[in-house]
Structure formats: C-alpha cells, structure tokens
Amino acid sequence: MIDWAIVALLCGVGLLIAVIVGGIAAALPDPAAPHWSDRCRRGAKAFAGTLTLLIALAGAIILLIKAMHSLS
C-alpha cells in the first residue's frame, strides 16, 4: 500500500510550485498586455498548466510505486 503521507507531501509541494509559477507569470511585465486583468489571466493559465503537469507526474509516480510493490 502507498504511504499516503508521501502522496500528500507530493501534492502539497506541487500546489506550492504551481502557485509560485502563477505568481511569477502574473508579475512579469508584458507590453502587449498592459492591463492588470491580462496579467492575472496569464498567471491563471500558468498556474493551471503547471498544476496539470504536476498532477500527471504525481499520478505516474504513484503508478510506478504500485508497480514496484506488486513485483516484490
């Protein structure tokens, strides 16, 4: 059985990374989109994209752990 503390830690770190990436993307200046709502939209897209990739990575790690436990 998977240690759920590891899964919770992985999800917590992934959420933190996604928030940081979204914040950085929203804070970067963009001359093509000077309005604050455009920057917020860009930050939200970066947050969602990063979180999606990290959820996929966490799922792959969990499946890999399950596969390794079934082999032993």
PDB file of N, CA and C in Angstrom:
ATOM      1  N   MET A   1       0.838  -1.180   0.000  1.00  0.00           N
ATOM      2  CA  MET A   1       0.000   0.000   0.000  1.00  0.00           C
ATOM      3  C   MET A   1       0.886   1.248   0.000  1.00  0.00           C
ATOM      4  N   ILE A   2       0.398   2.270  -0.689  1.00  0.00           N
ATOM      5  CA  ILE A   2       1.163   3.510  -0.808  1.00  0.00           C
ATOM      6  C   ILE A   2       1.094   4.285   0.500  1.00  0.00           C
ATOM      7  N   ASP A   3       2.216   4.836   0.887  1.00  0.00           N
ATOM      8  CA  ASP A   3       2.251   5.678   2.066  1.00  0.00           C
ATOM      9  C   ASP A   3       1.594   7.018   1.701  1.00  0.00           C
ATOM     10  N   TRP A   4       0.418   7.279   2.257  1.00  0.00           N
ATOM     11  CA  TRP A   4      -0.354   8.453   1.870  1.00  0.00           C
ATOM     12  C   TRP A   4       0.283   9.751   2.326  1.00  0.00           C
ATOM     13  N   ALA A   5       1.201   9.683   3.270  1.00  0.00           N
ATOM     14  CA  ALA A   5       1.920  10.894   3.662  1.00  0.00           C
ATOM     15  C   ALA A   5       2.805  11.384   2.512  1.00  0.00           C
ATOM     16  N   ILE A   6       3.377  10.445   1.772  1.00  0.00           N
ATOM     17  CA  ILE A   6       4.201  10.817   0.611  1.00  0.00           C
ATOM     18  C   ILE A   6       3.332  11.452  -0.463  1.00  0.00           C
ATOM     19  N   VAL A   7       2.149  10.890  -0.675  1.00  0.00           N
ATOM     20  CA  VAL A   7       1.231  11.439  -1.674  1.00  0.00           C
ATOM     21  C   VAL A   7       0.795  12.847  -1.271  1.00  0.00           C
ATOM     22  N   ALA A   8       0.473  13.049  -0.004  1.00  0.00           N
ATOM     23  CA  ALA A   8       0.069  14.373   0.471  1.00  0.00           C
ATOM     24  C   ALA A   8       1.217  15.369   0.337  1.00  0.00           C
ATOM     25  N   LEU A   9       2.426  14.937   0.645  1.00  0.00           N
ATOM     26  CA  LEU A   9       3.591  15.802   0.506  1.00  0.00           C
ATOM     27  C   LEU A   9       3.813  16.176  -0.949  1.00  0.00           C
ATOM     28  N   LEU A  10       3.692  15.215  -1.837  1.00  0.00           N
ATOM     29  CA  LEU A  10       3.866  15.458  -3.269  1.00  0.00           C
ATOM     30  C   LEU A  10       2.828  16.451  -3.772  1.00  0.00           C
ATOM     31  N   CYS A  11       1.573  16.288  -3.344  1.00  0.00           N
ATOM     32  CA  CYS A  11       0.511  17.202  -3.772  1.00  0.00           C
ATOM     33  C   CYS A  11       0.710  18.599  -3.190  1.00  0.00           C
ATOM     34  N   GLY A  12       1.138  18.666  -1.946  1.00  0.00           N
ATOM     35  CA  GLY A  12       1.389  19.969  -1.327  1.00  0.00           C
ATOM     36  C   GLY A  12       2.518  20.721  -2.000  1.00  0.00           C
ATOM     37  N   VAL A  13       3.595  20.022  -2.301  1.00  0.00           N
ATOM     38  CA  VAL A  13       4.727  20.650  -2.992  1.00  0.00           C
ATOM     39  C   VAL A  13       4.317  21.061  -4.400  1.00  0.00           C
ATOM     40  N   GLY A  14       3.543  20.221  -5.068  1.00  0.00           N
ATOM     41  CA  GLY A  14       3.071  20.558  -6.408  1.00  0.00           C
ATOM     42  C   GLY A  14       2.197  21.796  -6.414  1.00  0.00           C
ATOM     43  N   LEU A  15       1.329  21.913  -5.431  1.00  0.00           N
ATOM     44  CA  LEU A  15       0.477  23.098  -5.336  1.00  0.00           C
ATOM     45  C   LEU A  15       1.308  24.343  -5.064  1.00  0.00           C
ATOM     46  N   LEU A  16       2.301  24.226  -4.201  1.00  0.00           N
ATOM     47  CA  LEU A  16       3.181  25.355  -3.910  1.00  0.00           C
ATOM     48  C   LEU A  16       3.941  25.791  -5.159  1.00  0.00           C
ATOM     49  N   ILE A  17       4.463  24.846  -5.910  1.00  0.00           N
ATOM     50  CA  ILE A  17       5.186  25.180  -7.139  1.00  0.00           C
ATOM     51  C   ILE A  17       4.258  25.852  -8.143  1.00  0.00           C
ATOM     52  N   ALA A  18       3.029  25.346  -8.263  1.00  0.00           N
ATOM     53  CA  ALA A  18       2.079  25.940  -9.202  1.00  0.00           C
ATOM     54  C   ALA A  18       1.718  27.367  -8.806  1.00  0.00           C
ATOM     55  N   VAL A  19       1.568  27.625  -7.511  1.00  0.00           N
ATOM     56  CA  VAL A  19       1.264  28.985  -7.048  1.00  0.00           C
ATOM     57  C   VAL A  19       2.439  29.914  -7.339  1.00  0.00           C
ATOM     58  N   ILE A  20       3.642  29.445  -7.128  1.00  0.00           N
ATOM     59  CA  ILE A  20       4.828  30.267  -7.393  1.00  0.00           C
ATOM     60  C   ILE A  20       4.932  30.586  -8.883  1.00  0.00           C
ATOM     61  N   VAL A  21       4.739  29.577  -9.734  1.00  0.00           N
ATOM     62  CA  VAL A  21       4.815  29.795 -11.181  1.00  0.00           C
ATOM     63  C   VAL A  21       3.730  30.769 -11.640  1.00  0.00           C
ATOM     64  N   GLY A  22       2.512  30.598 -11.129  1.00  0.00           N
ATOM     65  CA  GLY A  22       1.435  31.514 -11.489  1.00  0.00           C
ATOM     66  C   GLY A  22       1.709  32.933 -11.030  1.00  0.00           C
ATOM     67  N   GLY A  23       2.255  33.085  -9.838  1.00  0.00           N
ATOM     68  CA  GLY A  23       2.593  34.414  -9.336  1.00  0.00           C
ATOM     69  C   GLY A  23       3.684  35.088 -10.148  1.00  0.00           C
ATOM     70  N   ILE A  24       4.676  34.318 -10.521  1.00  0.00           N
ATOM     71  CA  ILE A  24       5.759  34.881 -11.343  1.00  0.00           C
ATOM     72  C   ILE A  24       5.237  35.270 -12.720  1.00  0.00           C
ATOM     73  N   ALA A  25       4.398  34.408 -13.308  1.00  0.00           N
ATOM     74  CA  ALA A  25       3.847  34.722 -14.630  1.00  0.00           C
ATOM     75  C   ALA A  25       2.970  35.963 -14.584  1.00  0.00           C
ATOM     76  N   ALA A  26       2.239  36.160 -13.493  1.00  0.00           N
ATOM     77  CA  ALA A  26       1.394  37.349 -13.373  1.00  0.00           C
ATOM     78  C   ALA A  26       2.211  38.604 -13.085  1.00  0.00           C
ATOM     79  N   ALA A  27       3.357  38.444 -12.440  1.00  0.00           N
ATOM     80  CA  ALA A  27       4.164  39.612 -12.072  1.00  0.00           C
ATOM     81  C   ALA A  27       5.053  40.110 -13.202  1.00  0.00           C
ATOM     82  N   LEU A  28       5.345  39.262 -14.172  1.00  0.00           N
ATOM     83  CA  LEU A  28       6.224  39.682 -15.261  1.00  0.00           C
ATOM     84  C   LEU A  28       5.530  40.721 -16.140  1.00  0.00           C
ATOM     85  N   PRO A  29       6.231  41.793 -16.460  1.00  0.00           N
ATOM     86  CA  PRO A  29       5.618  42.804 -17.329  1.00  0.00           C
ATOM     87  C   PRO A  29       5.497  42.299 -18.769  1.00  0.00           C
ATOM     88  N   ASP A  30       4.433  42.709 -19.435  1.00  0.00           N
ATOM     89  CA  ASP A  30       4.215  42.331 -20.823  1.00  0.00           C
ATOM     90  C   ASP A  30       3.676  43.552 -21.556  1.00  0.00           C
ATOM     91  N   PRO A  31       4.467  44.134 -22.468  1.00  0.00           N
ATOM     92  CA  PRO A  31       3.999  45.336 -23.160  1.00  0.00           C
ATOM     93  C   PRO A  31       2.763  45.075 -24.040  1.00  0.00           C
ATOM     94  N   ALA A  32       2.582  43.840 -24.473  1.00  0.00           N
ATOM     95  CA  ALA A  32       1.432  43.521 -25.330  1.00  0.00           C
ATOM     96  C   ALA A  32       0.131  43.469 -24.528  1.00  0.00           C
ATOM     97  N   ALA A  33       0.226  43.247 -23.230  1.00  0.00           N
ATOM     98  CA  ALA A  33      -0.961  43.152 -22.376  1.00  0.00           C
ATOM     99  C   ALA A  33      -0.739  43.993 -21.121  1.00  0.00           C
ATOM    100  N   PRO A  34      -0.938  45.313 -21.228  1.00  0.00           N
ATOM    101  CA  PRO A  34      -0.607  46.177 -20.093  1.00  0.00           C
ATOM    102  C   PRO A  34      -1.636  46.175 -18.961  1.00  0.00           C
ATOM    103  N   HIS A  35      -2.853  45.731 -19.228  1.00  0.00           N
ATOM    104  CA  HIS A  35      -3.893  45.797 -18.202  1.00  0.00           C
ATOM    105  C   HIS A  35      -3.688  44.701 -17.161  1.00  0.00           C
ATOM    106  N   TRP A  36      -4.042  44.996 -15.911  1.00  0.00           N
ATOM    107  CA  TRP A  36      -3.811  44.045 -14.816  1.00  0.00           C
ATOM    108  C   TRP A  36      -4.597  42.755 -15.010  1.00  0.00           C
ATOM    109  N   SER A  37      -5.774  42.826 -15.630  1.00  0.00           N
ATOM    110  CA  SER A  37      -6.569  41.609 -15.808  1.00  0.00           C
ATOM    111  C   SER A  37      -5.916  40.663 -16.804  1.00  0.00           C
ATOM    112  N   ASP A  38      -5.203  41.216 -17.775  1.00  0.00           N
ATOM    113  CA  ASP A  38      -4.474  40.358 -18.721  1.00  0.00           C
ATOM    114  C   ASP A  38      -3.351  39.607 -18.012  1.00  0.00           C
ATOM    115  N   ARG A  39      -2.679  40.304 -17.109  1.00  0.00           N
ATOM    116  CA  ARG A  39      -1.602  39.653 -16.358  1.00  0.00           C
ATOM    117  C   ARG A  39      -2.163  38.590 -15.421  1.00  0.00           C
ATOM    118  N   CYS A  40      -3.313  38.846 -14.812  1.00  0.00           N
ATOM    119  CA  CYS A  40      -3.942  37.838 -13.946  1.00  0.00           C
ATOM    120  C   CYS A  40      -4.363  36.614 -14.754  1.00  0.00           C
ATOM    121  N   ARG A  41      -4.882  36.862 -15.947  1.00  0.00           N
ATOM    122  CA  ARG A  41      -5.281  35.752 -16.818  1.00  0.00           C
ATOM    123  C   ARG A  41      -4.059  34.909 -17.206  1.00  0.00           C
ATOM    124  N   ARG A  42      -2.944  35.578 -17.509  1.00  0.00           N
ATOM    125  CA  ARG A  42      -1.723  34.850 -17.851  1.00  0.00           C
ATOM    126  C   ARG A  42      -1.212  34.052 -16.659  1.00  0.00           C
ATOM    127  N   GLY A  43      -1.303  34.626 -15.464  1.00  0.00           N
ATOM    128  CA  GLY A  43      -0.888  33.906 -14.258  1.00  0.00           C
ATOM    129  C   GLY A  43      -1.770  32.708 -13.988  1.00  0.00           C
ATOM    130  N   ALA A  44      -3.081  32.856 -14.220  1.00  0.00           N
ATOM    131  CA  ALA A  44      -4.003  31.734 -14.015  1.00  0.00           C
ATOM    132  C   ALA A  44      -3.733  30.612 -15.009  1.00  0.00           C
ATOM    133  N   LYS A  45      -3.406  30.976 -16.245  1.00  0.00           N
ATOM    134  CA  LYS A  45      -3.072  29.944 -17.244  1.00  0.00           C
ATOM    135  C   LYS A  45      -1.805  29.192 -16.849  1.00  0.00           C
ATOM    136  N   ALA A  46      -0.805  29.925 -16.369  1.00  0.00           N
ATOM    137  CA  ALA A  46       0.438  29.285 -15.941  1.00  0.00           C
ATOM    138  C   ALA A  46       0.196  28.384 -14.736  1.00  0.00           C
ATOM    139  N   PHE A  47      -0.632  28.842 -13.797  1.00  0.00           N
ATOM    140  CA  PHE A  47      -0.975  28.042 -12.625  1.00  0.00           C
ATOM    141  C   PHE A  47      -1.658  26.752 -13.047  1.00  0.00           C
ATOM    142  N   ALA A  48      -2.668  26.867 -13.899  1.00  0.00           N
ATOM    143  CA  ALA A  48      -3.426  25.689 -14.332  1.00  0.00           C
ATOM    144  C   ALA A  48      -2.550  24.714 -15.118  1.00  0.00           C
ATOM    145  N   GLY A  49      -1.713  25.234 -15.985  1.00  0.00           N
ATOM    146  CA  GLY A  49      -0.833  24.360 -16.762  1.00  0.00           C
ATOM    147  C   GLY A  49       0.170  23.625 -15.888  1.00  0.00           C
ATOM    148  N   THR A  50       0.765  24.349 -14.959  1.00  0.00           N
ATOM    149  CA  THR A  50       1.740  23.729 -14.057  1.00  0.00           C
ATOM    150  C   THR A  50       1.079  22.694 -13.161  1.00  0.00           C
ATOM    151  N   LEU A  51      -0.099  23.021 -12.623  1.00  0.00           N
ATOM    152  CA  LEU A  51      -0.799  22.087 -11.748  1.00  0.00           C
ATOM    153  C   LEU A  51      -1.205  20.825 -12.511  1.00  0.00           C
ATOM    154  N   THR A  52      -1.632  20.984 -13.758  1.00  0.00           N
ATOM    155  CA  THR A  52      -1.994  19.830 -14.578  1.00  0.00           C
ATOM    156  C   THR A  52      -0.793  18.917 -14.803  1.00  0.00           C
ATOM    157  N   LEU A  53       0.348  19.505 -15.124  1.00  0.00           N
ATOM    158  CA  LEU A  53       1.552  18.692 -15.336  1.00  0.00           C
ATOM    159  C   LEU A  53       1.997  17.998 -14.056  1.00  0.00           C
ATOM    160  N   LEU A  54       1.902  18.694 -12.930  1.00  0.00           N
ATOM    161  CA  LEU A  54       2.323  18.093 -11.668  1.00  0.00           C
ATOM    162  C   LEU A  54       1.364  16.994 -11.214  1.00  0.00           C
ATOM    163  N   ILE A  55       0.070  17.134 -11.503  1.00  0.00           N
ATOM    164  CA  ILE A  55      -0.878  16.063 -11.191  1.00  0.00           C
ATOM    165  C   ILE A  55      -0.568  14.833 -12.032  1.00  0.00           C
ATOM    166  N   ALA A  56      -0.251  15.035 -13.294  1.00  0.00           N
ATOM    167  CA  ALA A  56       0.124  13.909 -14.148  1.00  0.00           C
ATOM    168  C   ALA A  56       1.405  13.243 -13.644  1.00  0.00           C
ATOM    169  N   LEU A  57       2.366  14.044 -13.215  1.00  0.00           N
ATOM    170  CA  LEU A  57       3.613  13.491 -12.686  1.00  0.00           C
ATOM    171  C   LEU A  57       3.357  12.714 -11.402  1.00  0.00           C
ATOM    172  N   ALA A  58       2.520  13.257 -10.524  1.00  0.00           N
ATOM    173  CA  ALA A  58       2.203  12.555  -9.273  1.00  0.00           C
ATOM    174  C   ALA A  58       1.492  11.237  -9.567  1.00  0.00           C
ATOM    175  N   GLY A  59       0.585  11.250 -10.524  1.00  0.00           N
ATOM    176  CA  GLY A  59      -0.097  10.011 -10.903  1.00  0.00           C
ATOM    177  C   GLY A  59       0.866   8.979 -11.444  1.00  0.00           C
ATOM    178  N   ALA A  60       1.820   9.416 -12.257  1.00  0.00           N
ATOM    179  CA  ALA A  60       2.815   8.487 -12.787  1.00  0.00           C
ATOM    180  C   ALA A  60       3.690   7.919 -11.679  1.00  0.00           C
ATOM    181  N   ILE A  61       4.062   8.743 -10.721  1.00  0.00           N
ATOM    182  CA  ILE A  61       4.885   8.267  -9.599  1.00  0.00           C
ATOM    183  C   ILE A  61       4.108   7.264  -8.760  1.00  0.00           C
ATOM    184  N   ILE A  62       2.838   7.544  -8.513  1.00  0.00           N
ATOM    185  CA  ILE A  62       2.015   6.615  -7.731  1.00  0.00           C
ATOM    186  C   ILE A  62       1.872   5.282  -8.451  1.00  0.00           C
ATOM    187  N   LEU A  63       1.628   5.318  -9.759  1.00  0.00           N
ATOM    188  CA  LEU A  63       1.522   4.072 -10.528  1.00  0.00           C
ATOM    189  C   LEU A  63       2.838   3.310 -10.531  1.00  0.00           C
ATOM    190  N   LEU A  64       3.944   4.035 -10.604  1.00  0.00           N
ATOM    191  CA  LEU A  64       5.251   3.390 -10.571  1.00  0.00           C
ATOM    192  C   LEU A  64       5.505   2.725  -9.231  1.00  0.00           C
ATOM    193  N   ILE A  65       5.126   3.393  -8.150  1.00  0.00           N
ATOM    194  CA  ILE A  65       5.291   2.803  -6.822  1.00  0.00           C
ATOM    195  C   ILE A  65       4.434   1.562  -6.686  1.00  0.00           C
ATOM    196  N   LYS A  66       3.195   1.623  -7.174  1.00  0.00           N
ATOM    197  CA  LYS A  66       2.312   0.455  -7.115  1.00  0.00           C
ATOM    198  C   LYS A  66       2.901  -0.706  -7.914  1.00  0.00           C
ATOM    199  N   ALA A  67       3.432  -0.416  -9.079  1.00  0.00           N
ATOM    200  CA  ALA A  67       4.015  -1.453  -9.921  1.00  0.00           C
ATOM    201  C   ALA A  67       5.242  -2.076  -9.254  1.00  0.00           C
ATOM    202  N   MET A  68       6.056  -1.265  -8.593  1.00  0.00           N
ATOM    203  CA  MET A  68       7.238  -1.795  -7.915  1.00  0.00           C
ATOM    204  C   MET A  68       6.850  -2.656  -6.732  1.00  0.00           C
ATOM    205  N   HIS A  69       5.765  -2.286  -6.027  1.00  0.00           N
ATOM    206  CA  HIS A  69       5.317  -3.087  -4.891  1.00  0.00           C
ATOM    207  C   HIS A  69       4.710  -4.410  -5.343  1.00  0.00           C
ATOM    208  N   SER A  70       4.083  -4.408  -6.493  1.00  0.00           N
ATOM    209  CA  SER A  70       3.476  -5.653  -6.965  1.00  0.00           C
ATOM    210  C   SER A  70       4.541  -6.643  -7.465  1.00  0.00           C
ATOM    211  N   LEU A  71       5.696  -6.127  -7.896  1.00  0.00           N
ATOM    212  CA  LEU A  71       6.765  -7.000  -8.354  1.00  0.00           C
ATOM    213  C   LEU A  71       7.504  -7.674  -7.201  1.00  0.00           C
ATOM    214  N   SER A  72       7.535  -7.037  -6.063  1.00  0.00           N
ATOM    215  CA  SER A  72       8.298  -7.599  -4.943  1.00  0.00           C
ATOM    216  C   SER A  72       7.453  -8.441  -4.027  1.00  0.00           C
TER     217      SER A  72
END
